[in-house]
Amino acid sequence: GWYRQAPGKQRELVAIIISGGPITYAVSVK
């Protein structure tokens, strides 16, 4: 997956490929 971290913010999930499962996106980037 891909994560991102903005200044003063915690690291957040952007997009992820789960083995044997779905591809999931953060609502903000979907």
PDB file of all heavy atoms in Angstrom:
ATOM      1  N   GLY A   1       0.782  -1.218   0.000  1.00  0.00           N
ATOM      2  CA  GLY A   1       0.000   0.000   0.000  1.00  0.00           C
ATOM      3  C   GLY A   1       0.816   1.272   0.000  1.00  0.00           C
ATOM      4  O   GLY A   1       2.043   1.259   0.095  1.00  0.00           O
ATOM      5  N   TRP A   2       0.091   2.375  -0.131  1.00  0.00           N
ATOM      6  CA  TRP A   2       0.651   3.712  -0.063  1.00  0.00           C
ATOM      7  C   TRP A   2       0.013   4.457   1.097  1.00  0.00           C
ATOM      8  O   TRP A   2      -1.206   4.395   1.299  1.00  0.00           O
ATOM      9  CB  TRP A   2       0.398   4.490  -1.355  1.00  0.00           C
ATOM     10  CG  TRP A   2       1.249   4.049  -2.500  1.00  0.00           C
ATOM     11  CD1 TRP A   2       0.947   3.126  -3.446  1.00  0.00           C
ATOM     12  CD2 TRP A   2       2.557   4.533  -2.817  1.00  0.00           C
ATOM     13  NE1 TRP A   2       1.975   2.987  -4.340  1.00  0.00           N
ATOM     14  CE2 TRP A   2       2.984   3.849  -3.980  1.00  0.00           C
ATOM     15  CE3 TRP A   2       3.413   5.477  -2.231  1.00  0.00           C
ATOM     16  CZ2 TRP A   2       4.226   4.078  -4.566  1.00  0.00           C
ATOM     17  CZ3 TRP A   2       4.649   5.701  -2.817  1.00  0.00           C
ATOM     18  CH2 TRP A   2       5.039   5.006  -3.974  1.00  0.00           C
ATOM     19  N   TYR A   3       0.856   5.161   1.836  1.00  0.00           N
ATOM     20  CA  TYR A   3       0.430   5.999   2.941  1.00  0.00           C
ATOM     21  C   TYR A   3       0.990   7.401   2.731  1.00  0.00           C
ATOM     22  O   TYR A   3       1.911   7.602   1.946  1.00  0.00           O
ATOM     23  CB  TYR A   3       0.935   5.441   4.277  1.00  0.00           C
ATOM     24  CG  TYR A   3       0.353   4.091   4.645  1.00  0.00           C
ATOM     25  CD1 TYR A   3       0.747   2.933   3.981  1.00  0.00           C
ATOM     26  CD2 TYR A   3      -0.586   3.971   5.671  1.00  0.00           C
ATOM     27  CE1 TYR A   3       0.219   1.695   4.318  1.00  0.00           C
ATOM     28  CE2 TYR A   3      -1.112   2.739   6.017  1.00  0.00           C
ATOM     29  CZ  TYR A   3      -0.703   1.603   5.336  1.00  0.00           C
ATOM     30  OH  TYR A   3      -1.232   0.375   5.684  1.00  0.00           O
ATOM     31  N   ARG A   4       0.441   8.359   3.446  1.00  0.00           N
ATOM     32  CA  ARG A   4       0.975   9.711   3.363  1.00  0.00           C
ATOM     33  C   ARG A   4       0.926  10.381   4.730  1.00  0.00           C
ATOM     34  O   ARG A   4       0.113  10.022   5.584  1.00  0.00           O
ATOM     35  CB  ARG A   4       0.217  10.554   2.332  1.00  0.00           C
ATOM     36  CG  ARG A   4      -1.227  10.850   2.685  1.00  0.00           C
ATOM     37  CD  ARG A   4      -1.908  11.555   1.522  1.00  0.00           C
ATOM     38  NE  ARG A   4      -3.289  11.895   1.817  1.00  0.00           N
ATOM     39  CZ  ARG A   4      -4.136  12.386   0.924  1.00  0.00           C
ATOM     40  NH1 ARG A   4      -3.740  12.606  -0.328  1.00  0.00           N
ATOM     41  NH2 ARG A   4      -5.382  12.667   1.284  1.00  0.00           N
ATOM     42  N   GLN A   5       1.806  11.350   4.902  1.00  0.00           N
ATOM     43  CA  GLN A   5       1.857  12.091   6.142  1.00  0.00           C
ATOM     44  C   GLN A   5       2.113  13.560   5.845  1.00  0.00           C
ATOM     45  O   GLN A   5       3.151  13.917   5.288  1.00  0.00           O
ATOM     46  CB  GLN A   5       2.945  11.543   7.066  1.00  0.00           C
ATOM     47  CG  GLN A   5       2.939  12.146   8.456  1.00  0.00           C
ATOM     48  CD  GLN A   5       3.801  11.372   9.429  1.00  0.00           C
ATOM     49  OE1 GLN A   5       4.699  10.628   9.031  1.00  0.00           O
ATOM     50  NE2 GLN A   5       3.528  11.522  10.716  1.00  0.00           N
ATOM     51  N   ALA A   6       1.168  14.387   6.199  1.00  0.00           N
ATOM     52  CA  ALA A   6       1.292  15.827   6.052  1.00  0.00           C
ATOM     53  C   ALA A   6       1.870  16.413   7.338  1.00  0.00           C
ATOM     54  O   ALA A   6       1.761  15.802   8.406  1.00  0.00           O
ATOM     55  CB  ALA A   6      -0.064  16.448   5.744  1.00  0.00           C
ATOM     56  N   PRO A   7       2.467  17.598   7.269  1.00  0.00           N
ATOM     57  CA  PRO A   7       3.022  18.224   8.476  1.00  0.00           C
ATOM     58  C   PRO A   7       1.977  18.356   9.579  1.00  0.00           C
ATOM     59  O   PRO A   7       0.868  18.826   9.342  1.00  0.00           O
ATOM     60  CB  PRO A   7       3.480  19.599   7.985  1.00  0.00           C
ATOM     61  CG  PRO A   7       3.772  19.395   6.533  1.00  0.00           C
ATOM     62  CD  PRO A   7       2.735  18.420   6.068  1.00  0.00           C
ATOM     63  N   GLY A   8       2.333  17.919  10.766  1.00  0.00           N
ATOM     64  CA  GLY A   8       1.438  18.014  11.901  1.00  0.00           C
ATOM     65  C   GLY A   8       0.332  16.986  11.922  1.00  0.00           C
ATOM     66  O   GLY A   8      -0.529  17.029  12.810  1.00  0.00           O
ATOM     67  N   LYS A   9       0.333  16.085  10.965  1.00  0.00           N
ATOM     68  CA  LYS A   9      -0.701  15.066  10.868  1.00  0.00           C
ATOM     69  C   LYS A   9      -0.095  13.676  11.034  1.00  0.00           C
ATOM     70  O   LYS A   9       1.093  13.467  10.799  1.00  0.00           O
ATOM     71  CB  LYS A   9      -1.427  15.145   9.525  1.00  0.00           C
ATOM     72  CG  LYS A   9      -2.070  16.488   9.219  1.00  0.00           C
ATOM     73  CD  LYS A   9      -3.278  16.730  10.099  1.00  0.00           C
ATOM     74  CE  LYS A   9      -3.954  18.049   9.719  1.00  0.00           C
ATOM     75  NZ  LYS A   9      -4.527  17.993   8.337  1.00  0.00           N
ATOM     76  N   GLN A  10      -0.926  12.740  11.434  1.00  0.00           N
ATOM     77  CA  GLN A  10      -0.461  11.370  11.529  1.00  0.00           C
ATOM     78  C   GLN A  10      -0.492  10.711  10.156  1.00  0.00           C
ATOM     79  O   GLN A  10      -1.203  11.143   9.250  1.00  0.00           O
ATOM     80  CB  GLN A  10      -1.298  10.578  12.531  1.00  0.00           C
ATOM     81  CG  GLN A  10      -2.753  10.392  12.161  1.00  0.00           C
ATOM     82  CD  GLN A  10      -3.529   9.622  13.219  1.00  0.00           C
ATOM     83  OE1 GLN A  10      -2.982   9.253  14.255  1.00  0.00           O
ATOM     84  NE2 GLN A  10      -4.793   9.370  12.964  1.00  0.00           N
ATOM     85  N   ARG A  11       0.289   9.679  10.009  1.00  0.00           N
ATOM     86  CA  ARG A  11       0.319   8.952   8.756  1.00  0.00           C
ATOM     87  C   ARG A  11      -1.024   8.284   8.503  1.00  0.00           C
ATOM     88  O   ARG A  11      -1.613   7.680   9.405  1.00  0.00           O
ATOM     89  CB  ARG A  11       1.442   7.920   8.783  1.00  0.00           C
ATOM     90  CG  ARG A  11       1.740   7.286   7.437  1.00  0.00           C
ATOM     91  CD  ARG A  11       3.019   6.451   7.498  1.00  0.00           C
ATOM     92  NE  ARG A  11       4.182   7.268   7.830  1.00  0.00           N
ATOM     93  CZ  ARG A  11       5.424   6.802   7.896  1.00  0.00           C
ATOM     94  NH1 ARG A  11       5.669   5.525   7.647  1.00  0.00           N
ATOM     95  NH2 ARG A  11       6.423   7.615   8.213  1.00  0.00           N
ATOM     96  N   GLU A  12      -1.499   8.398   7.267  1.00  0.00           N
ATOM     97  CA  GLU A  12      -2.790   7.838   6.927  1.00  0.00           C
ATOM     98  C   GLU A  12      -2.695   6.960   5.692  1.00  0.00           C
ATOM     99  O   GLU A  12      -1.865   7.167   4.812  1.00  0.00           O
ATOM    100  CB  GLU A  12      -3.826   8.946   6.696  1.00  0.00           C
ATOM    101  CG  GLU A  12      -3.530   9.824   5.494  1.00  0.00           C
ATOM    102  CD  GLU A  12      -4.619  10.837   5.208  1.00  0.00           C
ATOM    103  OE1 GLU A  12      -5.727  10.713   5.781  1.00  0.00           O
ATOM    104  OE2 GLU A  12      -4.379  11.760   4.404  1.00  0.00           O
ATOM    105  N   LEU A  13      -3.570   5.995   5.630  1.00  0.00           N
ATOM    106  CA  LEU A  13      -3.650   5.111   4.481  1.00  0.00           C
ATOM    107  C   LEU A  13      -4.228   5.847   3.291  1.00  0.00           C
ATOM    108  O   LEU A  13      -5.226   6.559   3.412  1.00  0.00           O
ATOM    109  CB  LEU A  13      -4.513   3.898   4.824  1.00  0.00           C
ATOM    110  CG  LEU A  13      -4.800   2.925   3.676  1.00  0.00           C
ATOM    111  CD1 LEU A  13      -3.525   2.198   3.263  1.00  0.00           C
ATOM    112  CD2 LEU A  13      -5.875   1.923   4.086  1.00  0.00           C
ATOM    113  N   VAL A  14      -3.602   5.662   2.133  1.00  0.00           N
ATOM    114  CA  VAL A  14      -4.097   6.232   0.885  1.00  0.00           C
ATOM    115  C   VAL A  14      -4.759   5.154   0.034  1.00  0.00           C
ATOM    116  O   VAL A  14      -5.887   5.317  -0.437  1.00  0.00           O
ATOM    117  CB  VAL A  14      -2.970   6.907   0.091  1.00  0.00           C
ATOM    118  CG1 VAL A  14      -3.485   7.416  -1.254  1.00  0.00           C
ATOM    119  CG2 VAL A  14      -2.361   8.045   0.899  1.00  0.00           C
ATOM    120  N   ALA A  15      -4.044   4.064  -0.188  1.00  0.00           N
ATOM    121  CA  ALA A  15      -4.547   2.974  -1.007  1.00  0.00           C
ATOM    122  C   ALA A  15      -3.812   1.704  -0.633  1.00  0.00           C
ATOM    123  O   ALA A  15      -2.632   1.742  -0.282  1.00  0.00           O
ATOM    124  CB  ALA A  15      -4.358   3.268  -2.496  1.00  0.00           C
ATOM    125  N   ILE A  16      -4.491   0.579  -0.731  1.00  0.00           N
ATOM    126  CA  ILE A  16      -3.863  -0.670  -0.322  1.00  0.00           C
ATOM    127  C   ILE A  16      -4.404  -1.835  -1.137  1.00  0.00           C
ATOM    128  O   ILE A  16      -5.599  -1.891  -1.454  1.00  0.00           O
ATOM    129  CB  ILE A  16      -4.060  -0.909   1.190  1.00  0.00           C
ATOM    130  CG1 ILE A  16      -3.227  -2.090   1.685  1.00  0.00           C
ATOM    131  CG2 ILE A  16      -5.532  -1.079   1.543  1.00  0.00           C
ATOM    132  CD1 ILE A  16      -3.126  -2.153   3.204  1.00  0.00           C
ATOM    133  N   ILE A  17      -3.508  -2.732  -1.498  1.00  0.00           N
ATOM    134  CA  ILE A  17      -3.864  -3.993  -2.134  1.00  0.00           C
ATOM    135  C   ILE A  17      -3.740  -5.075  -1.078  1.00  0.00           C
ATOM    136  O   ILE A  17      -2.661  -5.295  -0.537  1.00  0.00           O
ATOM    137  CB  ILE A  17      -2.940  -4.325  -3.320  1.00  0.00           C
ATOM    138  CG1 ILE A  17      -2.975  -3.223  -4.372  1.00  0.00           C
ATOM    139  CG2 ILE A  17      -3.328  -5.668  -3.936  1.00  0.00           C
ATOM    140  CD1 ILE A  17      -1.903  -3.369  -5.440  1.00  0.00           C
ATOM    141  N   ILE A  18      -4.823  -5.730  -0.793  1.00  0.00           N
ATOM    142  CA  ILE A  18      -4.827  -6.808   0.177  1.00  0.00           C
ATOM    143  C   ILE A  18      -4.760  -8.130  -0.576  1.00  0.00           C
ATOM    144  O   ILE A  18      -5.547  -8.376  -1.484  1.00  0.00           O
ATOM    145  CB  ILE A  18      -6.082  -6.753   1.061  1.00  0.00           C
ATOM    146  CG1 ILE A  18      -6.127  -5.432   1.830  1.00  0.00           C
ATOM    147  CG2 ILE A  18      -6.120  -7.930   2.025  1.00  0.00           C
ATOM    148  CD1 ILE A  18      -7.416  -5.196   2.579  1.00  0.00           C
ATOM    149  N   SER A  19      -3.788  -8.953  -0.200  1.00  0.00           N
ATOM    150  CA  SER A  19      -3.619 -10.235  -0.871  1.00  0.00           C
ATOM    151  C   SER A  19      -4.883 -11.065  -0.752  1.00  0.00           C
ATOM    152  O   SER A  19      -5.384 -11.291   0.351  1.00  0.00           O
ATOM    153  CB  SER A  19      -2.434 -10.986  -0.271  1.00  0.00           C
ATOM    154  OG  SER A  19      -2.239 -12.225  -0.924  1.00  0.00           O
ATOM    155  N   GLY A  20      -5.372 -11.498  -1.896  1.00  0.00           N
ATOM    156  CA  GLY A  20      -6.589 -12.287  -1.920  1.00  0.00           C
ATOM    157  C   GLY A  20      -7.848 -11.507  -1.634  1.00  0.00           C
ATOM    158  O   GLY A  20      -8.924 -12.104  -1.494  1.00  0.00           O
ATOM    159  N   GLY A  21      -7.717 -10.203  -1.560  1.00  0.00           N
ATOM    160  CA  GLY A  21      -8.852  -9.382  -1.217  1.00  0.00           C
ATOM    161  C   GLY A  21      -8.987  -8.168  -2.110  1.00  0.00           C
ATOM    162  O   GLY A  21      -8.430  -8.110  -3.202  1.00  0.00           O
ATOM    163  N   PRO A  22      -9.718  -7.176  -1.636  1.00  0.00           N
ATOM    164  CA  PRO A  22     -10.006  -6.005  -2.463  1.00  0.00           C
ATOM    165  C   PRO A  22      -8.889  -4.976  -2.460  1.00  0.00           C
ATOM    166  O   PRO A  22      -7.964  -5.034  -1.650  1.00  0.00           O
ATOM    167  CB  PRO A  22     -11.257  -5.431  -1.791  1.00  0.00           C
ATOM    168  CG  PRO A  22     -11.045  -5.747  -0.341  1.00  0.00           C
ATOM    169  CD  PRO A  22     -10.400  -7.113  -0.330  1.00  0.00           C
ATOM    170  N   ILE A  23      -8.993  -4.050  -3.392  1.00  0.00           N
ATOM    171  CA  ILE A  23      -8.192  -2.835  -3.366  1.00  0.00           C
ATOM    172  C   ILE A  23      -9.032  -1.775  -2.678  1.00  0.00           C
ATOM    173  O   ILE A  23     -10.195  -1.573  -3.018  1.00  0.00           O
ATOM    174  CB  ILE A  23      -7.808  -2.380  -4.782  1.00  0.00           C
ATOM    175  CG1 ILE A  23      -6.925  -3.438  -5.455  1.00  0.00           C
ATOM    176  CG2 ILE A  23      -7.097  -1.036  -4.735  1.00  0.00           C
ATOM    177  CD1 ILE A  23      -6.614  -3.146  -6.905  1.00  0.00           C
ATOM    178  N   THR A  24      -8.441  -1.116  -1.706  1.00  0.00           N
ATOM    179  CA  THR A  24      -9.165  -0.154  -0.897  1.00  0.00           C
ATOM    180  C   THR A  24      -8.499   1.209  -0.972  1.00  0.00           C
ATOM    181  O   THR A  24      -7.278   1.312  -0.938  1.00  0.00           O
ATOM    182  CB  THR A  24      -9.231  -0.624   0.568  1.00  0.00           C
ATOM    183  OG1 THR A  24      -9.871  -1.907   0.631  1.00  0.00           O
ATOM    184  CG2 THR A  24     -10.023   0.353   1.422  1.00  0.00           C
ATOM    185  N   TYR A  25      -9.317   2.253  -1.066  1.00  0.00           N
ATOM    186  CA  TYR A  25      -8.831   3.622  -1.136  1.00  0.00           C
ATOM    187  C   TYR A  25      -9.420   4.457  -0.018  1.00  0.00           C
ATOM    188  O   TYR A  25     -10.553   4.224   0.418  1.00  0.00           O
ATOM    189  CB  TYR A  25      -9.211   4.276  -2.466  1.00  0.00           C
ATOM    190  CG  TYR A  25      -8.595   3.630  -3.681  1.00  0.00           C
ATOM    191  CD1 TYR A  25      -9.256   2.616  -4.362  1.00  0.00           C
ATOM    192  CD2 TYR A  25      -7.352   4.040  -4.141  1.00  0.00           C
ATOM    193  CE1 TYR A  25      -8.690   2.017  -5.472  1.00  0.00           C
ATOM    194  CE2 TYR A  25      -6.783   3.447  -5.252  1.00  0.00           C
ATOM    195  CZ  TYR A  25      -7.452   2.437  -5.915  1.00  0.00           C
ATOM    196  OH  TYR A  25      -6.882   1.848  -7.026  1.00  0.00           O
ATOM    197  N   ALA A  26      -8.650   5.436   0.409  1.00  0.00           N
ATOM    198  CA  ALA A  26      -9.203   6.427   1.310  1.00  0.00           C
ATOM    199  C   ALA A  26     -10.316   7.186   0.596  1.00  0.00           C
ATOM    200  O   ALA A  26     -10.245   7.421  -0.612  1.00  0.00           O
ATOM    201  CB  ALA A  26      -8.122   7.404   1.770  1.00  0.00           C
ATOM    202  N   VAL A  27     -11.329   7.562   1.338  1.00  0.00           N
ATOM    203  CA  VAL A  27     -12.450   8.282   0.754  1.00  0.00           C
ATOM    204  C   VAL A  27     -11.973   9.546   0.041  1.00  0.00           C
ATOM    205  O   VAL A  27     -12.479   9.903  -1.028  1.00  0.00           O
ATOM    206  CB  VAL A  27     -13.500   8.623   1.826  1.00  0.00           C
ATOM    207  CG1 VAL A  27     -14.585   9.540   1.262  1.00  0.00           C
ATOM    208  CG2 VAL A  27     -14.118   7.348   2.372  1.00  0.00           C
ATOM    209  N   SER A  28     -10.981  10.212   0.605  1.00  0.00           N
ATOM    210  CA  SER A  28     -10.511  11.472   0.063  1.00  0.00           C
ATOM    211  C   SER A  28      -9.843  11.349  -1.301  1.00  0.00           C
ATOM    212  O   SER A  28      -9.726  12.345  -2.018  1.00  0.00           O
ATOM    213  CB  SER A  28      -9.541  12.137   1.040  1.00  0.00           C
ATOM    214  OG  SER A  28      -8.417  11.310   1.280  1.00  0.00           O
ATOM    215  N   VAL A  29      -9.395  10.145  -1.679  1.00  0.00           N
ATOM    216  CA  VAL A  29      -8.697   9.965  -2.952  1.00  0.00           C
ATOM    217  C   VAL A  29      -9.451   9.058  -3.907  1.00  0.00           C
ATOM    218  O   VAL A  29      -9.048   8.924  -5.075  1.00  0.00           O
ATOM    219  CB  VAL A  29      -7.269   9.419  -2.753  1.00  0.00           C
ATOM    220  CG1 VAL A  29      -6.511  10.268  -1.752  1.00  0.00           C
ATOM    221  CG2 VAL A  29      -7.290   7.956  -2.324  1.00  0.00           C
ATOM    222  N   LYS A  30     -10.513   8.448  -3.459  1.00  0.00           N
ATOM    223  CA  LYS A  30     -11.244   7.500  -4.287  1.00  0.00           C
ATOM    224  C   LYS A  30     -11.757   8.182  -5.553  1.00  0.00           C
ATOM    225  O   LYS A  30     -12.334   9.263  -5.507  1.00  0.00           O
ATOM    226  CB  LYS A  30     -12.397   6.891  -3.500  1.00  0.00           C
ATOM    227  CG  LYS A  30     -13.012   5.663  -4.148  1.00  0.00           C
ATOM    228  CD  LYS A  30     -13.993   4.973  -3.211  1.00  0.00           C
ATOM    229  CE  LYS A  30     -14.512   3.680  -3.794  1.00  0.00           C
ATOM    230  NZ  LYS A  30     -15.438   2.985  -2.864  1.00  0.00           N
TER     231      LYS A  30
END
